[in-house]
Amino acid sequence: MNIEDIYGKFPTFETERLILRKISLDDLEDIFAYGSNDEVSKYVTWDTHRTLSDTKQFIEFVLNKYAEKQVSPWAIEYKDNGRMIGTIDFVLWNPTHQTAEIGYVLHQDYWGEGITAEAAKELIKFGFDKMDLIRIQARCFTENIGSKRVMEKIGMSYEGTLRKAVFIKEKHWDLKVFSILKEEFEERYLLKQKKVYDR
């Protein structure tokens, strides 16, 4: 399995409330709406967008990734209003070891509604079904309670804390590590399906 096999034909996904698709320049104002919020950028590696130029630079970076068939983010589009409200992606992917790491960010107005978990479940399912993965992990700053809850909600298990693992925004941060294995996800998914059929 090569990275180009997946990102050469960038897939689009649809869930109950969301469309996961490519980012485009048409998303400029929507991305700026959450990227310029200090609360949203508080626990991510990138800096708050101060101008539309910052956001445009990010979009151009992503478009270049698409063109080069490299690991790239999906836009999270909310179907009810057609707005792009965040991104989700495999921030790391190692085909040799069949492992990957997911990352995500969401507009503050949509926090607490299960939207990130909904998007993450779809991406995890794709990773295990089509990318030949056997393990998917996620990491968050220890202070990021919301992200921790997402990881728990999608069935990931806490593995431990990496102490002072990254130096970002002029300080060292501890990172909590969560993961889910293919067999765990399949068991969870099949059990859920069985409960539906047994009703």
C-alpha atoms as a PDB file:
ATOM      1  CA  MET A   1       0.000   0.000   0.000  1.00  0.00           C
ATOM      2  CA  ASN A   2       1.476   3.309  -1.103  1.00  0.00           C
ATOM      3  CA  ILE A   3       0.422   6.783  -0.024  1.00  0.00           C
ATOM      4  CA  GLU A   4      -0.222   7.668  -3.678  1.00  0.00           C
ATOM      5  CA  ASP A   5      -2.745   4.809  -3.901  1.00  0.00           C
ATOM      6  CA  ILE A   6      -5.014   6.672  -1.476  1.00  0.00           C
ATOM      7  CA  TYR A   7      -4.240  10.319  -2.026  1.00  0.00           C
ATOM      8  CA  GLY A   8      -3.971  10.033  -5.803  1.00  0.00           C
ATOM      9  CA  LYS A   9      -7.738   9.509  -5.842  1.00  0.00           C
ATOM     10  CA  PHE A  10      -8.719  11.561  -2.827  1.00  0.00           C
ATOM     11  CA  PRO A  11     -11.970  10.048  -1.527  1.00  0.00           C
ATOM     12  CA  THR A  12     -15.041  11.927  -0.330  1.00  0.00           C
ATOM     13  CA  PHE A  13     -17.122  10.594   2.555  1.00  0.00           C
ATOM     14  CA  GLU A  14     -20.649  11.320   3.725  1.00  0.00           C
ATOM     15  CA  THR A  15     -22.026  10.669   7.202  1.00  0.00           C
ATOM     16  CA  GLU A  16     -25.371  11.526   8.777  1.00  0.00           C
ATOM     17  CA  ARG A  17     -24.466  15.202   9.265  1.00  0.00           C
ATOM     18  CA  LEU A  18     -21.204  15.682   7.421  1.00  0.00           C
ATOM     19  CA  ILE A  19     -19.383  15.624   4.117  1.00  0.00           C
ATOM     20  CA  LEU A  20     -15.635  14.996   4.271  1.00  0.00           C
ATOM     21  CA  ARG A  21     -14.056  16.382   1.120  1.00  0.00           C
ATOM     22  CA  LYS A  22     -11.130  18.299  -0.332  1.00  0.00           C
ATOM     23  CA  ILE A  23     -10.422  21.817   0.891  1.00  0.00           C
ATOM     24  CA  SER A  24     -10.702  24.569  -1.730  1.00  0.00           C
ATOM     25  CA  LEU A  25     -10.141  28.319  -1.956  1.00  0.00           C
ATOM     26  CA  ASP A  26     -13.918  28.705  -1.593  1.00  0.00           C
ATOM     27  CA  ASP A  27     -13.439  27.685   2.049  1.00  0.00           C
ATOM     28  CA  LEU A  28     -11.293  30.725   2.823  1.00  0.00           C
ATOM     29  CA  GLU A  29     -13.750  32.633   5.009  1.00  0.00           C
ATOM     30  CA  ASP A  30     -15.053  29.516   6.749  1.00  0.00           C
ATOM     31  CA  ILE A  31     -11.539  28.422   7.716  1.00  0.00           C
ATOM     32  CA  PHE A  32     -10.660  31.914   8.898  1.00  0.00           C
ATOM     33  CA  ALA A  33     -13.819  31.931  11.041  1.00  0.00           C
ATOM     34  CA  TYR A  34     -12.430  29.182  13.268  1.00  0.00           C
ATOM     35  CA  GLY A  35      -8.707  29.556  12.538  1.00  0.00           C
ATOM     36  CA  SER A  36      -8.762  33.110  13.898  1.00  0.00           C
ATOM     37  CA  ASN A  37     -10.250  31.972  17.222  1.00  0.00           C
ATOM     38  CA  ASP A  38      -7.609  31.758  19.972  1.00  0.00           C
ATOM     39  CA  GLU A  39      -9.654  29.131  21.803  1.00  0.00           C
ATOM     40  CA  VAL A  40      -9.644  26.865  18.733  1.00  0.00           C
ATOM     41  CA  SER A  41      -5.904  27.241  18.134  1.00  0.00           C
ATOM     42  CA  LYS A  42      -4.999  26.956  21.822  1.00  0.00           C
ATOM     43  CA  TYR A  43      -4.143  23.251  21.731  1.00  0.00           C
ATOM     44  CA  VAL A  44      -2.942  22.761  18.157  1.00  0.00           C
ATOM     45  CA  THR A  45       0.513  23.085  16.621  1.00  0.00           C
ATOM     46  CA  TRP A  46      -0.329  26.024  14.339  1.00  0.00           C
ATOM     47  CA  ASP A  47      -0.691  29.673  15.244  1.00  0.00           C
ATOM     48  CA  THR A  48      -3.949  31.628  15.262  1.00  0.00           C
ATOM     49  CA  HIS A  49      -4.795  33.099  11.854  1.00  0.00           C
ATOM     50  CA  ARG A  50      -4.574  36.873  12.156  1.00  0.00           C
ATOM     51  CA  THR A  51      -5.493  37.759   8.569  1.00  0.00           C
ATOM     52  CA  LEU A  52      -7.157  36.130   5.578  1.00  0.00           C
ATOM     53  CA  SER A  53      -3.663  35.950   4.097  1.00  0.00           C
ATOM     54  CA  ASP A  54      -2.695  33.452   6.819  1.00  0.00           C
ATOM     55  CA  THR A  55      -5.658  31.288   5.874  1.00  0.00           C
ATOM     56  CA  LYS A  56      -4.955  31.551   2.163  1.00  0.00           C
ATOM     57  CA  GLN A  57      -1.384  30.443   2.782  1.00  0.00           C
ATOM     58  CA  PHE A  58      -2.697  27.372   4.614  1.00  0.00           C
ATOM     59  CA  ILE A  59      -5.092  26.514   1.775  1.00  0.00           C
ATOM     60  CA  GLU A  60      -2.338  26.860  -0.824  1.00  0.00           C
ATOM     61  CA  PHE A  61      -0.157  24.555   1.273  1.00  0.00           C
ATOM     62  CA  VAL A  62      -2.952  21.955   1.315  1.00  0.00           C
ATOM     63  CA  LEU A  63      -3.671  22.295  -2.415  1.00  0.00           C
ATOM     64  CA  ASN A  64      -0.002  21.598  -3.066  1.00  0.00           C
ATOM     65  CA  LYS A  65      -0.253  18.459  -0.951  1.00  0.00           C
ATOM     66  CA  TYR A  66      -3.225  17.307  -3.030  1.00  0.00           C
ATOM     67  CA  ALA A  67      -1.306  17.957  -6.244  1.00  0.00           C
ATOM     68  CA  GLU A  68       1.678  15.959  -5.010  1.00  0.00           C
ATOM     69  CA  LYS A  69      -0.554  13.109  -3.811  1.00  0.00           C
ATOM     70  CA  GLN A  70       0.736  13.404  -0.264  1.00  0.00           C
ATOM     71  CA  VAL A  71      -1.004  12.961   3.072  1.00  0.00           C
ATOM     72  CA  SER A  72      -3.608  15.740   3.139  1.00  0.00           C
ATOM     73  CA  PRO A  73      -6.556  16.912   5.253  1.00  0.00           C
ATOM     74  CA  TRP A  74     -10.275  16.526   4.643  1.00  0.00           C
ATOM     75  CA  ALA A  75     -12.582  19.488   5.060  1.00  0.00           C
ATOM     76  CA  ILE A  76     -15.460  18.835   7.458  1.00  0.00           C
ATOM     77  CA  GLU A  77     -18.566  20.297   5.832  1.00  0.00           C
ATOM     78  CA  TYR A  78     -21.755  20.568   7.885  1.00  0.00           C
ATOM     79  CA  LYS A  79     -24.620  19.483   5.633  1.00  0.00           C
ATOM     80  CA  ASP A  80     -27.309  21.573   7.342  1.00  0.00           C
ATOM     81  CA  ASN A  81     -25.720  24.855   6.280  1.00  0.00           C
ATOM     82  CA  GLY A  82     -22.997  23.887   3.798  1.00  0.00           C
ATOM     83  CA  ARG A  83     -20.278  25.519   5.897  1.00  0.00           C
ATOM     84  CA  MET A  84     -16.813  24.113   6.321  1.00  0.00           C
ATOM     85  CA  ILE A  85     -16.376  23.859  10.089  1.00  0.00           C
ATOM     86  CA  GLY A  86     -13.050  22.082  10.535  1.00  0.00           C
ATOM     87  CA  THR A  87     -10.557  19.558   9.224  1.00  0.00           C
ATOM     88  CA  ILE A  88      -9.578  15.987   9.953  1.00  0.00           C
ATOM     89  CA  ASP A  89      -6.709  13.950   8.583  1.00  0.00           C
ATOM     90  CA  PHE A  90      -4.093  11.297   9.063  1.00  0.00           C
ATOM     91  CA  VAL A  91      -1.317  13.587  10.253  1.00  0.00           C
ATOM     92  CA  LEU A  92       1.103  10.659  10.143  1.00  0.00           C
ATOM     93  CA  TRP A  93       0.941   7.446   8.119  1.00  0.00           C
ATOM     94  CA  ASN A  94       3.519   4.682   8.009  1.00  0.00           C
ATOM     95  CA  PRO A  95       2.463   2.090   5.394  1.00  0.00           C
ATOM     96  CA  THR A  96       5.385  -0.192   6.313  1.00  0.00           C
ATOM     97  CA  HIS A  97       4.241  -0.553   9.912  1.00  0.00           C
ATOM     98  CA  GLN A  98       0.539  -0.240   8.974  1.00  0.00           C
ATOM     99  CA  THR A  99       0.024   2.540  11.503  1.00  0.00           C
ATOM    100  CA  ALA A 100      -1.346   6.068  11.341  1.00  0.00           C
ATOM    101  CA  GLU A 101      -2.267   8.994  13.562  1.00  0.00           C
ATOM    102  CA  ILE A 102      -5.349  11.158  13.200  1.00  0.00           C
ATOM    103  CA  GLY A 103      -5.692  14.833  14.004  1.00  0.00           C
ATOM    104  CA  TYR A 104      -8.615  17.232  13.883  1.00  0.00           C
ATOM    105  CA  VAL A 105      -9.825  20.739  14.595  1.00  0.00           C
ATOM    106  CA  LEU A 106     -13.381  22.098  14.807  1.00  0.00           C
ATOM    107  CA  HIS A 107     -15.133  25.476  14.892  1.00  0.00           C
ATOM    108  CA  GLN A 108     -15.975  26.361  18.507  1.00  0.00           C
ATOM    109  CA  ASP A 109     -19.670  26.837  17.739  1.00  0.00           C
ATOM    110  CA  TYR A 110     -19.924  23.104  17.029  1.00  0.00           C
ATOM    111  CA  TRP A 111     -18.084  21.754  20.071  1.00  0.00           C
ATOM    112  CA  GLY A 112     -19.889  19.237  22.245  1.00  0.00           C
ATOM    113  CA  GLU A 113     -22.199  17.919  19.527  1.00  0.00           C
ATOM    114  CA  GLY A 114     -20.326  14.727  18.632  1.00  0.00           C
ATOM    115  CA  ILE A 115     -19.302  16.070  15.228  1.00  0.00           C
ATOM    116  CA  THR A 116     -15.584  15.348  15.540  1.00  0.00           C
ATOM    117  CA  ALA A 117     -16.301  11.810  16.727  1.00  0.00           C
ATOM    118  CA  GLU A 118     -18.647  11.293  13.771  1.00  0.00           C
ATOM    119  CA  ALA A 119     -15.946  12.377  11.326  1.00  0.00           C
ATOM    120  CA  ALA A 120     -13.227  10.407  13.104  1.00  0.00           C
ATOM    121  CA  LYS A 121     -15.209   7.158  13.057  1.00  0.00           C
ATOM    122  CA  GLU A 122     -15.616   7.467   9.286  1.00  0.00           C
ATOM    123  CA  LEU A 123     -11.918   8.107   8.766  1.00  0.00           C
ATOM    124  CA  ILE A 124     -10.910   5.268  11.087  1.00  0.00           C
ATOM    125  CA  LYS A 125     -13.213   2.874   9.255  1.00  0.00           C
ATOM    126  CA  PHE A 126     -11.624   3.911   5.957  1.00  0.00           C
ATOM    127  CA  GLY A 127      -8.149   3.468   7.410  1.00  0.00           C
ATOM    128  CA  PHE A 128      -8.810  -0.084   8.514  1.00  0.00           C
ATOM    129  CA  ASP A 129     -10.854  -1.090   5.448  1.00  0.00           C
ATOM    130  CA  LYS A 130      -8.875   0.538   2.632  1.00  0.00           C
ATOM    131  CA  MET A 131      -5.452   1.632   3.922  1.00  0.00           C
ATOM    132  CA  ASP A 132      -4.389  -1.721   5.362  1.00  0.00           C
ATOM    133  CA  LEU A 133      -3.902  -0.224   8.825  1.00  0.00           C
ATOM    134  CA  ILE A 134      -3.783  -2.303  11.986  1.00  0.00           C
ATOM    135  CA  ARG A 135      -3.348   0.553  14.480  1.00  0.00           C
ATOM    136  CA  ILE A 136      -4.565   4.156  14.553  1.00  0.00           C
ATOM    137  CA  GLN A 137      -3.534   6.528  17.302  1.00  0.00           C
ATOM    138  CA  ALA A 138      -4.223  10.100  18.365  1.00  0.00           C
ATOM    139  CA  ARG A 139      -2.421  12.444  20.723  1.00  0.00           C
ATOM    140  CA  CYS A 140      -3.518  15.543  22.583  1.00  0.00           C
ATOM    141  CA  PHE A 141      -2.092  18.033  25.047  1.00  0.00           C
ATOM    142  CA  THR A 142      -3.003  16.905  28.559  1.00  0.00           C
ATOM    143  CA  GLU A 143      -4.985  20.120  29.033  1.00  0.00           C
ATOM    144  CA  ASN A 144      -7.177  19.427  26.001  1.00  0.00           C
ATOM    145  CA  ILE A 145     -10.116  17.731  27.717  1.00  0.00           C
ATOM    146  CA  GLY A 146     -12.375  17.998  24.641  1.00  0.00           C
ATOM    147  CA  SER A 147      -9.969  16.111  22.413  1.00  0.00           C
ATOM    148  CA  LYS A 148      -9.480  13.448  25.086  1.00  0.00           C
ATOM    149  CA  ARG A 149     -13.250  12.906  25.183  1.00  0.00           C
ATOM    150  CA  VAL A 150     -13.351  12.489  21.399  1.00  0.00           C
ATOM    151  CA  MET A 151     -10.690   9.782  21.575  1.00  0.00           C
ATOM    152  CA  GLU A 152     -12.602   7.934  24.272  1.00  0.00           C
ATOM    153  CA  LYS A 153     -15.887   8.298  22.407  1.00  0.00           C
ATOM    154  CA  ILE A 154     -14.510   6.665  19.253  1.00  0.00           C
ATOM    155  CA  GLY A 155     -13.294   3.651  21.217  1.00  0.00           C
ATOM    156  CA  MET A 156      -9.630   4.494  21.659  1.00  0.00           C
ATOM    157  CA  SER A 157      -7.732   3.300  24.731  1.00  0.00           C
ATOM    158  CA  TYR A 158      -5.427   5.503  26.771  1.00  0.00           C
ATOM    159  CA  GLU A 159      -1.846   4.233  26.551  1.00  0.00           C
ATOM    160  CA  GLY A 160       0.090   6.781  28.559  1.00  0.00           C
ATOM    161  CA  THR A 161       1.494  10.282  28.690  1.00  0.00           C
ATOM    162  CA  LEU A 162       4.608  11.434  26.863  1.00  0.00           C
ATOM    163  CA  ARG A 163       6.191  13.954  29.206  1.00  0.00           C
ATOM    164  CA  LYS A 164       7.360  17.217  27.640  1.00  0.00           C
ATOM    165  CA  ALA A 165       7.161  15.543  24.246  1.00  0.00           C
ATOM    166  CA  VAL A 166       6.861  18.674  22.082  1.00  0.00           C
ATOM    167  CA  PHE A 167       8.026  22.270  22.229  1.00  0.00           C
ATOM    168  CA  ILE A 168       5.312  24.471  20.740  1.00  0.00           C
ATOM    169  CA  LYS A 169       4.331  28.073  21.345  1.00  0.00           C
ATOM    170  CA  GLU A 170       7.294  28.706  23.631  1.00  0.00           C
ATOM    171  CA  LYS A 171       6.657  25.860  26.071  1.00  0.00           C
ATOM    172  CA  HIS A 172       6.995  22.115  26.446  1.00  0.00           C
ATOM    173  CA  TRP A 173       3.780  20.099  26.468  1.00  0.00           C
ATOM    174  CA  ASP A 174       2.897  16.664  27.803  1.00  0.00           C
ATOM    175  CA  LEU A 175       0.942  14.542  25.322  1.00  0.00           C
ATOM    176  CA  LYS A 176      -1.675  11.914  26.113  1.00  0.00           C
ATOM    177  CA  VAL A 177      -1.589   8.962  23.694  1.00  0.00           C
ATOM    178  CA  PHE A 178      -4.684   6.974  22.704  1.00  0.00           C
ATOM    179  CA  SER A 179      -5.060   4.201  20.129  1.00  0.00           C
ATOM    180  CA  ILE A 180      -7.429   1.681  18.629  1.00  0.00           C
ATOM    181  CA  LEU A 181      -6.553  -1.566  16.850  1.00  0.00           C
ATOM    182  CA  LYS A 182      -8.315  -2.940  13.803  1.00  0.00           C
ATOM    183  CA  GLU A 183      -9.774  -5.916  15.683  1.00  0.00           C
ATOM    184  CA  GLU A 184     -11.064  -3.625  18.435  1.00  0.00           C
ATOM    185  CA  PHE A 185     -12.778  -1.328  15.980  1.00  0.00           C
ATOM    186  CA  GLU A 186     -14.312  -4.240  14.059  1.00  0.00           C
ATOM    187  CA  GLU A 187     -15.582  -5.832  17.265  1.00  0.00           C
ATOM    188  CA  ARG A 188     -17.091  -2.524  18.394  1.00  0.00           C
ATOM    189  CA  TYR A 189     -18.648  -1.862  14.972  1.00  0.00           C
ATOM    190  CA  LEU A 190     -20.024  -5.387  14.509  1.00  0.00           C
ATOM    191  CA  LEU A 191     -21.447  -5.416  18.043  1.00  0.00           C
ATOM    192  CA  LYS A 192     -23.241  -2.143  17.320  1.00  0.00           C
ATOM    193  CA  GLN A 193     -24.641  -3.576  14.076  1.00  0.00           C
ATOM    194  CA  LYS A 194     -25.785  -6.709  15.887  1.00  0.00           C
ATOM    195  CA  LYS A 195     -27.686  -4.632  18.459  1.00  0.00           C
ATOM    196  CA  VAL A 196     -29.499  -2.847  15.631  1.00  0.00           C
ATOM    197  CA  TYR A 197     -30.508  -6.131  13.996  1.00  0.00           C
ATOM    198  CA  ASP A 198     -31.588  -7.674  17.320  1.00  0.00           C
ATOM    199  CA  ARG A 199     -34.123  -4.938  18.032  1.00  0.00           C
END
